[in-house]
Amino acid sequence: MKLVLATGNKGKLREFKQMCKDEVVPFSDLLGEMEIVEDADSFKGNALIKARVIYEKLGEEYLVVSDDSGISVPVLGGEPGIYSARYAGAGATDKENLLKLVESVKSKGLAKTPAYYTAAIAIVSKYGEYVVHGWMHGEVLSEPRGDKGFGYDPMFIPNGYEETLGELDDDIKKRISHRAKALKLAKPIIEMLKRA
């Protein structure tokens, strides 16, 4: 069974290839570029939408994996949550989204506040649908620090650390991230389905 990733994100593709130790193909290599409307009200729902769309187009000799993830800040009512990639509006850059979240935290008069990342990984094949989740808890700062990583990394400090994800080395991030935790749970499911 061929493993297809329902994303165009090169970073996610690299992580999946490292995890699965075999050929992982981005859907765009098989189907070309296409826009998938993610209109569910949860990370799980959006991950399933992407995986189902690609699976339906490719057929049952494929195993399709997708990911939906983002950051949630309880003091902001869970924002940006599923809107993390477009928090500052449709087509917003990572920097614009980051700056909007910084302003939202500052508007509450806070220098830092609890937050967490969520990653939902959906797996769709002829044998059914599976979804796993991973979380990373910590705090967001109203003053970003560091230039490593992407997205909200410069303002997020994971529990147990003093540096932001924008300052921490990649090796540490790969070990503690929400996506790494979800991938660890997804791997045995993917291996089981490939052998079925």
N, C-alpha and C. Protein backbone atom coordinates (compact mmCIF):
# COMPACT_ATOMS: atom_id res chain seq x y z
N MET A 1 0.84 -1.18 0.00
CA MET A 1 0.00 0.00 0.00
C MET A 1 0.89 1.25 0.00
N LYS A 2 0.61 2.18 -0.89
CA LYS A 2 1.44 3.38 -1.01
C LYS A 2 1.00 4.44 0.00
N LEU A 3 1.99 5.05 0.63
CA LEU A 3 1.73 6.06 1.66
C LEU A 3 1.77 7.45 1.05
N VAL A 4 0.66 8.19 1.19
CA VAL A 4 0.55 9.53 0.61
C VAL A 4 0.25 10.52 1.72
N LEU A 5 0.94 11.64 1.68
CA LEU A 5 0.72 12.68 2.68
C LEU A 5 -0.13 13.79 2.09
N ALA A 6 -1.23 14.09 2.75
CA ALA A 6 -2.17 15.11 2.27
C ALA A 6 -1.72 16.49 2.75
N THR A 7 -0.54 16.90 2.31
CA THR A 7 -0.03 18.23 2.62
C THR A 7 0.95 18.67 1.55
N GLY A 8 1.11 19.97 1.42
CA GLY A 8 2.15 20.49 0.56
C GLY A 8 3.31 21.03 1.37
N ASN A 9 3.23 20.88 2.70
CA ASN A 9 4.23 21.42 3.62
C ASN A 9 5.47 20.53 3.63
N LYS A 10 6.60 21.08 3.17
CA LYS A 10 7.84 20.30 3.05
C LYS A 10 8.36 19.82 4.41
N GLY A 11 8.17 20.63 5.45
CA GLY A 11 8.61 20.25 6.79
C GLY A 11 7.85 19.02 7.29
N LYS A 12 6.55 19.01 7.08
CA LYS A 12 5.74 17.86 7.50
C LYS A 12 6.13 16.62 6.71
N LEU A 13 6.36 16.79 5.41
CA LEU A 13 6.75 15.65 4.57
C LEU A 13 8.07 15.05 5.06
N ARG A 14 9.03 15.90 5.40
CA ARG A 14 10.33 15.43 5.91
C ARG A 14 10.14 14.64 7.21
N GLU A 15 9.30 15.16 8.14
CA GLU A 15 9.07 14.45 9.40
C GLU A 15 8.44 13.09 9.17
N PHE A 16 7.46 13.02 8.28
CA PHE A 16 6.81 11.74 8.01
C PHE A 16 7.79 10.75 7.37
N LYS A 17 8.63 11.22 6.47
CA LYS A 17 9.61 10.33 5.83
C LYS A 17 10.57 9.76 6.87
N GLN A 18 11.01 10.59 7.80
CA GLN A 18 11.91 10.12 8.86
C GLN A 18 11.21 9.09 9.73
N MET A 19 9.94 9.32 10.02
CA MET A 19 9.19 8.42 10.89
C MET A 19 8.93 7.08 10.23
N CYS A 20 8.53 7.09 8.97
CA CYS A 20 8.09 5.86 8.32
C CYS A 20 9.21 5.07 7.67
N LYS A 21 10.38 5.69 7.50
CA LYS A 21 11.54 5.02 6.93
C LYS A 21 11.24 4.37 5.58
N ASP A 22 10.29 4.91 4.85
CA ASP A 22 10.03 4.40 3.51
C ASP A 22 9.46 5.53 2.65
N GLU A 23 9.00 5.19 1.49
CA GLU A 23 8.56 6.20 0.53
C GLU A 23 7.25 6.84 0.94
N VAL A 24 7.29 8.14 1.18
CA VAL A 24 6.10 8.92 1.47
C VAL A 24 6.00 9.96 0.36
N VAL A 25 4.85 9.99 -0.30
CA VAL A 25 4.68 10.87 -1.45
C VAL A 25 3.69 11.98 -1.11
N PRO A 26 4.03 13.23 -1.40
CA PRO A 26 3.03 14.29 -1.21
C PRO A 26 1.94 14.13 -2.28
N PHE A 27 0.70 14.40 -1.92
CA PHE A 27 -0.40 14.19 -2.85
C PHE A 27 -0.23 14.98 -4.14
N SER A 28 0.44 16.12 -4.06
CA SER A 28 0.61 16.98 -5.25
C SER A 28 1.45 16.29 -6.33
N ASP A 29 2.32 15.33 -5.94
CA ASP A 29 3.09 14.58 -6.94
C ASP A 29 2.18 13.70 -7.80
N LEU A 30 1.05 13.30 -7.22
CA LEU A 30 0.12 12.40 -7.91
C LEU A 30 -1.06 13.14 -8.52
N LEU A 31 -1.51 14.18 -7.87
CA LEU A 31 -2.74 14.87 -8.29
C LEU A 31 -2.54 16.31 -8.73
N GLY A 32 -1.34 16.83 -8.57
CA GLY A 32 -1.12 18.24 -8.84
C GLY A 32 -1.59 19.08 -7.67
N GLU A 33 -1.39 20.38 -7.77
CA GLU A 33 -1.81 21.28 -6.68
C GLU A 33 -3.32 21.40 -6.66
N MET A 34 -3.90 21.44 -5.48
CA MET A 34 -5.33 21.65 -5.32
C MET A 34 -5.62 22.22 -3.95
N GLU A 35 -6.67 22.99 -3.88
CA GLU A 35 -7.08 23.61 -2.62
C GLU A 35 -8.13 22.73 -1.97
N ILE A 36 -7.95 22.42 -0.69
CA ILE A 36 -8.93 21.63 0.05
C ILE A 36 -9.54 22.53 1.11
N VAL A 37 -10.85 22.67 1.09
CA VAL A 37 -11.54 23.53 2.05
C VAL A 37 -11.62 22.81 3.39
N GLU A 38 -11.00 23.41 4.41
CA GLU A 38 -11.02 22.85 5.77
C GLU A 38 -12.03 23.65 6.59
N ASP A 39 -13.26 23.15 6.67
CA ASP A 39 -14.31 23.90 7.34
C ASP A 39 -14.92 23.18 8.54
N ALA A 40 -14.17 22.23 9.10
CA ALA A 40 -14.63 21.55 10.31
C ALA A 40 -14.38 22.45 11.52
N ASP A 41 -14.95 22.07 12.66
CA ASP A 41 -14.79 22.89 13.87
C ASP A 41 -13.77 22.31 14.84
N SER A 42 -12.89 21.42 14.34
CA SER A 42 -11.87 20.81 15.20
C SER A 42 -10.65 20.44 14.36
N PHE A 43 -9.51 20.27 15.03
CA PHE A 43 -8.31 19.80 14.34
C PHE A 43 -8.57 18.42 13.73
N LYS A 44 -9.22 17.55 14.50
CA LYS A 44 -9.54 16.21 14.03
C LYS A 44 -10.38 16.27 12.75
N GLY A 45 -11.42 17.10 12.76
CA GLY A 45 -12.30 17.22 11.61
C GLY A 45 -11.57 17.70 10.37
N ASN A 46 -10.71 18.69 10.52
CA ASN A 46 -9.97 19.23 9.38
C ASN A 46 -8.95 18.22 8.85
N ALA A 47 -8.29 17.49 9.74
CA ALA A 47 -7.34 16.46 9.30
C ALA A 47 -8.07 15.37 8.51
N LEU A 48 -9.25 14.99 8.98
CA LEU A 48 -10.04 13.97 8.27
C LEU A 48 -10.52 14.47 6.91
N ILE A 49 -10.94 15.72 6.83
CA ILE A 49 -11.38 16.28 5.55
C ILE A 49 -10.27 16.13 4.51
N LYS A 50 -9.06 16.55 4.87
CA LYS A 50 -7.94 16.49 3.92
C LYS A 50 -7.65 15.05 3.50
N ALA A 51 -7.57 14.15 4.47
CA ALA A 51 -7.25 12.75 4.16
C ALA A 51 -8.34 12.11 3.31
N ARG A 52 -9.60 12.38 3.62
CA ARG A 52 -10.70 11.78 2.86
C ARG A 52 -10.72 12.26 1.41
N VAL A 53 -10.53 13.56 1.21
CA VAL A 53 -10.54 14.11 -0.16
C VAL A 53 -9.48 13.44 -1.01
N ILE A 54 -8.27 13.34 -0.48
CA ILE A 54 -7.17 12.75 -1.25
C ILE A 54 -7.40 11.25 -1.45
N TYR A 55 -7.86 10.55 -0.42
CA TYR A 55 -8.12 9.11 -0.55
C TYR A 55 -9.18 8.84 -1.62
N GLU A 56 -10.25 9.64 -1.62
CA GLU A 56 -11.32 9.44 -2.60
C GLU A 56 -10.82 9.66 -4.02
N LYS A 57 -9.86 10.56 -4.21
CA LYS A 57 -9.33 10.81 -5.55
C LYS A 57 -8.34 9.73 -5.99
N LEU A 58 -7.62 9.12 -5.03
CA LEU A 58 -6.57 8.17 -5.38
C LEU A 58 -7.04 6.72 -5.42
N GLY A 59 -7.91 6.31 -4.50
CA GLY A 59 -8.38 4.94 -4.49
C GLY A 59 -7.75 4.08 -3.41
N GLU A 60 -8.22 2.84 -3.34
CA GLU A 60 -7.92 2.02 -2.16
C GLU A 60 -6.55 1.37 -2.12
N GLU A 61 -5.72 1.54 -3.16
CA GLU A 61 -4.35 1.03 -3.02
C GLU A 61 -3.46 2.02 -2.27
N TYR A 62 -4.06 3.13 -1.81
CA TYR A 62 -3.31 4.16 -1.09
C TYR A 62 -3.73 4.26 0.37
N LEU A 63 -2.76 4.63 1.18
CA LEU A 63 -2.99 4.94 2.59
C LEU A 63 -2.66 6.43 2.71
N VAL A 64 -3.66 7.23 3.09
CA VAL A 64 -3.47 8.68 3.11
C VAL A 64 -3.39 9.19 4.55
N VAL A 65 -2.37 10.01 4.80
CA VAL A 65 -2.14 10.58 6.13
C VAL A 65 -2.18 12.10 6.02
N SER A 66 -2.86 12.74 6.96
CA SER A 66 -2.87 14.21 6.98
C SER A 66 -2.76 14.70 8.41
N ASP A 67 -2.43 15.98 8.51
CA ASP A 67 -2.19 16.59 9.82
C ASP A 67 -2.90 17.94 9.86
N ASP A 68 -3.51 18.26 10.99
CA ASP A 68 -3.98 19.62 11.21
C ASP A 68 -3.52 20.00 12.61
N SER A 69 -2.98 21.20 12.73
CA SER A 69 -2.40 21.58 14.01
C SER A 69 -2.49 23.08 14.22
N GLY A 70 -2.31 23.49 15.47
CA GLY A 70 -2.33 24.91 15.78
C GLY A 70 -2.13 25.15 17.27
N ILE A 71 -2.19 26.42 17.64
CA ILE A 71 -1.96 26.83 19.02
C ILE A 71 -3.25 27.40 19.61
N SER A 72 -3.48 27.12 20.88
CA SER A 72 -4.67 27.62 21.57
C SER A 72 -4.25 28.32 22.86
N VAL A 73 -4.88 29.47 23.13
CA VAL A 73 -4.59 30.27 24.32
C VAL A 73 -5.88 30.40 25.13
N PRO A 74 -5.99 29.67 26.26
CA PRO A 74 -7.23 29.66 27.03
C PRO A 74 -7.76 31.05 27.41
N VAL A 75 -6.87 31.99 27.79
CA VAL A 75 -7.32 33.32 28.21
C VAL A 75 -7.98 34.08 27.06
N LEU A 76 -7.72 33.63 25.83
CA LEU A 76 -8.34 34.24 24.64
C LEU A 76 -9.51 33.39 24.14
N GLY A 77 -10.05 32.56 25.00
CA GLY A 77 -11.16 31.71 24.59
C GLY A 77 -10.75 30.59 23.64
N GLY A 78 -9.46 30.22 23.69
CA GLY A 78 -8.95 29.15 22.83
C GLY A 78 -8.40 29.62 21.50
N GLU A 79 -8.45 30.94 21.25
CA GLU A 79 -7.88 31.45 19.98
C GLU A 79 -6.38 31.25 19.95
N PRO A 80 -5.78 31.16 18.76
CA PRO A 80 -6.43 31.08 17.46
C PRO A 80 -6.96 29.69 17.12
N GLY A 81 -6.52 28.63 17.81
CA GLY A 81 -7.07 27.28 17.60
C GLY A 81 -6.99 26.84 16.16
N ILE A 82 -8.13 26.35 15.63
CA ILE A 82 -8.14 25.82 14.25
C ILE A 82 -7.87 26.91 13.21
N TYR A 83 -7.90 28.17 13.64
CA TYR A 83 -7.63 29.28 12.72
C TYR A 83 -6.17 29.76 12.81
N SER A 84 -5.29 28.97 13.41
CA SER A 84 -3.90 29.38 13.61
C SER A 84 -3.21 29.83 12.34
N ALA A 85 -3.45 29.13 11.23
CA ALA A 85 -2.76 29.46 9.98
C ALA A 85 -3.32 30.71 9.30
N ARG A 86 -4.50 31.15 9.75
CA ARG A 86 -5.12 32.33 9.13
C ARG A 86 -5.69 33.28 10.19
N TYR A 87 -5.03 33.33 11.33
CA TYR A 87 -5.50 34.14 12.46
C TYR A 87 -5.59 35.63 12.10
N ALA A 88 -4.64 36.10 11.32
CA ALA A 88 -4.63 37.52 10.92
C ALA A 88 -5.38 37.74 9.60
N GLY A 89 -6.10 36.72 9.14
CA GLY A 89 -6.88 36.83 7.91
C GLY A 89 -6.41 35.84 6.86
N ALA A 90 -7.25 35.61 5.87
CA ALA A 90 -6.91 34.69 4.78
C ALA A 90 -5.65 35.18 4.09
N GLY A 91 -4.72 34.26 3.84
CA GLY A 91 -3.47 34.62 3.16
C GLY A 91 -2.45 35.31 4.04
N ALA A 92 -2.70 35.36 5.35
CA ALA A 92 -1.75 36.02 6.28
C ALA A 92 -0.45 35.23 6.34
N THR A 93 0.66 35.95 6.54
CA THR A 93 1.96 35.31 6.70
C THR A 93 2.11 34.82 8.14
N ASP A 94 3.11 33.96 8.36
CA ASP A 94 3.42 33.51 9.72
C ASP A 94 3.67 34.70 10.63
N LYS A 95 4.41 35.69 10.14
CA LYS A 95 4.74 36.86 10.95
C LYS A 95 3.49 37.65 11.31
N GLU A 96 2.58 37.83 10.36
CA GLU A 96 1.33 38.56 10.63
C GLU A 96 0.48 37.84 11.68
N ASN A 97 0.41 36.51 11.57
CA ASN A 97 -0.33 35.73 12.57
C ASN A 97 0.31 35.87 13.95
N LEU A 98 1.64 35.76 14.00
CA LEU A 98 2.38 35.90 15.25
C LEU A 98 2.11 37.26 15.89
N LEU A 99 2.22 38.31 15.11
CA LEU A 99 2.02 39.66 15.65
C LEU A 99 0.60 39.88 16.14
N LYS A 100 -0.38 39.28 15.47
CA LYS A 100 -1.77 39.41 15.94
C LYS A 100 -1.92 38.72 17.30
N LEU A 101 -1.32 37.53 17.46
CA LEU A 101 -1.42 36.84 18.75
C LEU A 101 -0.69 37.62 19.84
N VAL A 102 0.46 38.19 19.52
CA VAL A 102 1.18 39.04 20.48
C VAL A 102 0.28 40.18 20.94
N GLU A 103 -0.37 40.85 20.01
CA GLU A 103 -1.26 41.97 20.35
C GLU A 103 -2.46 41.50 21.18
N SER A 104 -3.00 40.33 20.86
CA SER A 104 -4.13 39.79 21.61
C SER A 104 -3.75 39.51 23.07
N VAL A 105 -2.53 38.96 23.27
CA VAL A 105 -2.05 38.69 24.64
C VAL A 105 -1.81 40.01 25.37
N LYS A 106 -1.17 40.97 24.68
CA LYS A 106 -0.92 42.29 25.30
C LYS A 106 -2.22 42.99 25.67
N SER A 107 -3.28 42.81 24.86
CA SER A 107 -4.55 43.48 25.14
C SER A 107 -5.18 43.02 26.44
N LYS A 108 -4.74 41.85 26.92
CA LYS A 108 -5.22 41.33 28.21
C LYS A 108 -4.32 41.82 29.36
N GLY A 109 -3.31 42.63 29.02
CA GLY A 109 -2.40 43.16 30.04
C GLY A 109 -1.44 42.12 30.58
N LEU A 110 -1.14 41.09 29.76
CA LEU A 110 -0.30 39.98 30.21
C LEU A 110 1.06 39.98 29.50
N ALA A 111 2.10 39.63 30.26
CA ALA A 111 3.42 39.42 29.66
C ALA A 111 3.56 37.99 29.18
N LYS A 112 2.84 37.05 29.84
CA LYS A 112 2.82 35.65 29.43
C LYS A 112 1.55 35.00 29.98
N THR A 113 1.15 33.91 29.34
CA THR A 113 -0.06 33.20 29.75
C THR A 113 -0.01 31.77 29.24
N PRO A 114 -0.66 30.82 29.92
CA PRO A 114 -0.66 29.42 29.47
C PRO A 114 -1.22 29.28 28.05
N ALA A 115 -0.65 28.31 27.33
CA ALA A 115 -1.09 28.01 25.96
C ALA A 115 -0.69 26.57 25.65
N TYR A 116 -1.23 26.03 24.58
CA TYR A 116 -0.83 24.68 24.17
C TYR A 116 -1.02 24.51 22.66
N TYR A 117 -0.17 23.66 22.11
CA TYR A 117 -0.28 23.26 20.71
C TYR A 117 -1.00 21.92 20.64
N THR A 118 -1.78 21.74 19.58
CA THR A 118 -2.46 20.48 19.29
C THR A 118 -2.08 20.04 17.89
N ALA A 119 -1.83 18.75 17.71
CA ALA A 119 -1.66 18.17 16.38
C ALA A 119 -2.60 16.97 16.28
N ALA A 120 -3.42 16.96 15.23
CA ALA A 120 -4.28 15.80 14.94
C ALA A 120 -3.78 15.18 13.65
N ILE A 121 -3.52 13.88 13.68
CA ILE A 121 -3.09 13.16 12.48
C ILE A 121 -4.18 12.16 12.12
N ALA A 122 -4.69 12.30 10.88
CA ALA A 122 -5.72 11.38 10.39
C ALA A 122 -5.10 10.40 9.40
N ILE A 123 -5.56 9.17 9.47
CA ILE A 123 -5.08 8.10 8.59
C ILE A 123 -6.32 7.48 7.94
N VAL A 124 -6.40 7.51 6.62
CA VAL A 124 -7.56 6.96 5.91
C VAL A 124 -7.08 5.91 4.91
N SER A 125 -7.71 4.73 4.98
CA SER A 125 -7.39 3.65 4.04
C SER A 125 -8.65 2.80 3.85
N LYS A 126 -8.53 1.77 3.02
CA LYS A 126 -9.69 0.90 2.80
C LYS A 126 -10.07 0.15 4.08
N TYR A 127 -9.19 0.14 5.07
CA TYR A 127 -9.47 -0.54 6.32
C TYR A 127 -10.12 0.37 7.36
N GLY A 128 -10.39 1.61 7.01
CA GLY A 128 -11.06 2.51 7.94
C GLY A 128 -10.30 3.80 8.17
N GLU A 129 -10.80 4.57 9.14
CA GLU A 129 -10.23 5.87 9.48
C GLU A 129 -9.76 5.88 10.92
N TYR A 130 -8.60 6.50 11.14
CA TYR A 130 -8.02 6.59 12.48
C TYR A 130 -7.55 8.03 12.68
N VAL A 131 -7.64 8.51 13.92
CA VAL A 131 -7.12 9.84 14.25
C VAL A 131 -6.41 9.76 15.59
N VAL A 132 -5.21 10.33 15.65
CA VAL A 132 -4.46 10.43 16.91
C VAL A 132 -4.13 11.89 17.17
N HIS A 133 -3.89 12.21 18.42
CA HIS A 133 -3.56 13.59 18.80
C HIS A 133 -2.27 13.64 19.62
N GLY A 134 -1.59 14.76 19.51
CA GLY A 134 -0.44 15.06 20.36
C GLY A 134 -0.56 16.49 20.85
N TRP A 135 -0.07 16.75 22.07
CA TRP A 135 -0.15 18.10 22.64
C TRP A 135 1.20 18.51 23.20
N MET A 136 1.44 19.80 23.20
CA MET A 136 2.60 20.39 23.87
C MET A 136 2.10 21.60 24.64
N HIS A 137 2.29 21.56 25.95
CA HIS A 137 1.81 22.64 26.82
C HIS A 137 2.95 23.57 27.21
N GLY A 138 2.60 24.82 27.48
CA GLY A 138 3.59 25.81 27.89
C GLY A 138 2.95 27.16 28.07
N GLU A 139 3.71 28.21 27.71
CA GLU A 139 3.21 29.58 27.83
C GLU A 139 3.56 30.37 26.58
N VAL A 140 2.71 31.35 26.25
CA VAL A 140 3.07 32.29 25.20
C VAL A 140 3.49 33.60 25.84
N LEU A 141 4.43 34.27 25.19
CA LEU A 141 4.95 35.55 25.68
C LEU A 141 4.41 36.69 24.83
N SER A 142 4.37 37.88 25.42
CA SER A 142 3.95 39.05 24.64
C SER A 142 5.14 39.69 23.92
N GLU A 143 6.34 39.13 24.13
CA GLU A 143 7.53 39.61 23.43
C GLU A 143 8.24 38.41 22.79
N PRO A 144 8.11 38.23 21.47
CA PRO A 144 8.75 37.08 20.80
C PRO A 144 10.27 37.08 20.97
N ARG A 145 10.85 35.87 21.01
CA ARG A 145 12.31 35.71 21.14
C ARG A 145 12.78 34.58 20.24
N GLY A 146 13.86 34.83 19.51
CA GLY A 146 14.47 33.79 18.68
C GLY A 146 13.96 33.81 17.26
N ASP A 147 14.78 33.27 16.36
CA ASP A 147 14.40 33.27 14.95
C ASP A 147 14.44 31.88 14.32
N LYS A 148 14.46 30.84 15.16
CA LYS A 148 14.40 29.48 14.65
C LYS A 148 12.94 29.07 14.51
N GLY A 149 12.71 28.03 13.75
CA GLY A 149 11.36 27.51 13.61
C GLY A 149 10.50 28.40 12.73
N PHE A 150 9.18 28.32 12.92
CA PHE A 150 8.25 29.09 12.10
C PHE A 150 6.97 29.31 12.91
N GLY A 151 6.04 30.02 12.33
CA GLY A 151 4.75 30.23 12.98
C GLY A 151 4.88 30.97 14.30
N TYR A 152 4.31 30.39 15.33
CA TYR A 152 4.26 31.00 16.66
C TYR A 152 5.45 30.61 17.54
N ASP A 153 6.43 29.89 16.97
CA ASP A 153 7.57 29.39 17.75
C ASP A 153 8.27 30.46 18.59
N PRO A 154 8.50 31.69 18.07
CA PRO A 154 9.25 32.68 18.87
C PRO A 154 8.51 33.18 20.12
N MET A 155 7.24 32.86 20.27
CA MET A 155 6.53 33.35 21.46
C MET A 155 6.09 32.22 22.40
N PHE A 156 6.46 30.96 22.09
CA PHE A 156 6.00 29.82 22.89
C PHE A 156 7.15 29.18 23.66
N ILE A 157 7.00 29.08 24.98
CA ILE A 157 7.97 28.38 25.84
C ILE A 157 7.33 27.09 26.33
N PRO A 158 7.86 25.92 25.95
CA PRO A 158 7.30 24.65 26.41
C PRO A 158 7.53 24.47 27.92
N ASN A 159 6.59 23.79 28.57
CA ASN A 159 6.76 23.46 29.99
C ASN A 159 8.09 22.75 30.20
N GLY A 160 8.81 23.17 31.25
CA GLY A 160 10.10 22.56 31.58
C GLY A 160 11.29 23.23 30.92
N TYR A 161 11.05 24.26 30.12
CA TYR A 161 12.12 24.96 29.42
C TYR A 161 12.03 26.46 29.72
N GLU A 162 13.13 27.16 29.49
CA GLU A 162 13.15 28.60 29.69
C GLU A 162 13.26 29.36 28.37
N GLU A 163 13.56 28.62 27.30
CA GLU A 163 13.70 29.24 25.98
C GLU A 163 12.44 28.99 25.15
N THR A 164 12.22 29.90 24.18
CA THR A 164 11.10 29.70 23.27
C THR A 164 11.47 28.67 22.22
N LEU A 165 10.45 28.18 21.49
CA LEU A 165 10.73 27.28 20.37
C LEU A 165 11.55 27.99 19.29
N GLY A 166 11.52 29.31 19.29
CA GLY A 166 12.34 30.08 18.37
C GLY A 166 13.80 30.13 18.77
N GLU A 167 14.09 29.69 20.01
CA GLU A 167 15.47 29.67 20.51
C GLU A 167 16.01 28.26 20.69
N LEU A 168 15.14 27.28 20.91
CA LEU A 168 15.58 25.90 21.17
C LEU A 168 16.10 25.22 19.90
N ASP A 169 17.02 24.27 20.10
CA ASP A 169 17.56 23.51 18.97
C ASP A 169 16.50 22.58 18.39
N ASP A 170 16.62 22.30 17.10
CA ASP A 170 15.67 21.43 16.41
C ASP A 170 15.56 20.06 17.05
N ASP A 171 16.69 19.51 17.53
CA ASP A 171 16.66 18.17 18.14
C ASP A 171 15.72 18.12 19.33
N ILE A 172 15.70 19.18 20.13
CA ILE A 172 14.80 19.23 21.29
C ILE A 172 13.37 19.35 20.82
N LYS A 173 13.12 20.23 19.86
CA LYS A 173 11.76 20.44 19.35
C LYS A 173 11.19 19.15 18.76
N LYS A 174 12.03 18.42 18.02
CA LYS A 174 11.55 17.17 17.41
C LYS A 174 11.13 16.15 18.47
N ARG A 175 11.75 16.22 19.62
CA ARG A 175 11.46 15.27 20.69
C ARG A 175 10.21 15.63 21.47
N ILE A 176 9.96 16.93 21.67
CA ILE A 176 8.88 17.35 22.58
C ILE A 176 7.65 17.92 21.88
N SER A 177 7.71 18.08 20.56
CA SER A 177 6.61 18.78 19.89
C SER A 177 5.32 17.97 19.86
N HIS A 178 4.24 18.70 19.69
CA HIS A 178 2.92 18.10 19.56
C HIS A 178 2.87 17.15 18.37
N ARG A 179 3.51 17.53 17.26
CA ARG A 179 3.50 16.68 16.07
C ARG A 179 4.32 15.42 16.30
N ALA A 180 5.45 15.55 16.97
CA ALA A 180 6.27 14.36 17.26
C ALA A 180 5.49 13.36 18.11
N LYS A 181 4.74 13.88 19.09
CA LYS A 181 3.94 12.99 19.95
C LYS A 181 2.83 12.30 19.16
N ALA A 182 2.17 13.06 18.26
CA ALA A 182 1.12 12.46 17.44
C ALA A 182 1.71 11.45 16.45
N LEU A 183 2.86 11.77 15.86
CA LEU A 183 3.51 10.84 14.93
C LEU A 183 3.88 9.53 15.61
N LYS A 184 4.31 9.62 16.86
CA LYS A 184 4.67 8.41 17.62
C LYS A 184 3.45 7.49 17.77
N LEU A 185 2.28 8.09 17.95
CA LEU A 185 1.05 7.30 18.07
C LEU A 185 0.57 6.80 16.71
N ALA A 186 0.82 7.58 15.66
CA ALA A 186 0.36 7.19 14.32
C ALA A 186 1.19 6.07 13.71
N LYS A 187 2.45 6.03 14.06
CA LYS A 187 3.37 5.08 13.41
C LYS A 187 2.90 3.63 13.51
N PRO A 188 2.54 3.10 14.70
CA PRO A 188 2.11 1.70 14.74
C PRO A 188 0.82 1.43 13.94
N ILE A 189 -0.06 2.43 13.85
CA ILE A 189 -1.28 2.26 13.06
C ILE A 189 -0.91 2.16 11.57
N ILE A 190 -0.04 3.05 11.12
CA ILE A 190 0.39 3.02 9.72
C ILE A 190 1.07 1.70 9.39
N GLU A 191 1.95 1.23 10.28
CA GLU A 191 2.65 -0.04 10.05
C GLU A 191 1.66 -1.20 9.99
N MET A 192 0.67 -1.20 10.87
CA MET A 192 -0.36 -2.25 10.89
C MET A 192 -1.13 -2.27 9.57
N LEU A 193 -1.54 -1.08 9.09
CA LEU A 193 -2.33 -1.00 7.88
C LEU A 193 -1.52 -1.39 6.64
N LYS A 194 -0.24 -1.08 6.64
CA LYS A 194 0.59 -1.43 5.50
C LYS A 194 0.75 -2.96 5.38
N ARG A 195 0.68 -3.65 6.52
CA ARG A 195 0.84 -5.11 6.53
C ARG A 195 -0.48 -5.82 6.32
N ALA A 196 -1.61 -5.12 6.44
CA ALA A 196 -2.93 -5.77 6.38
C ALA A 196 -3.22 -6.36 5.00
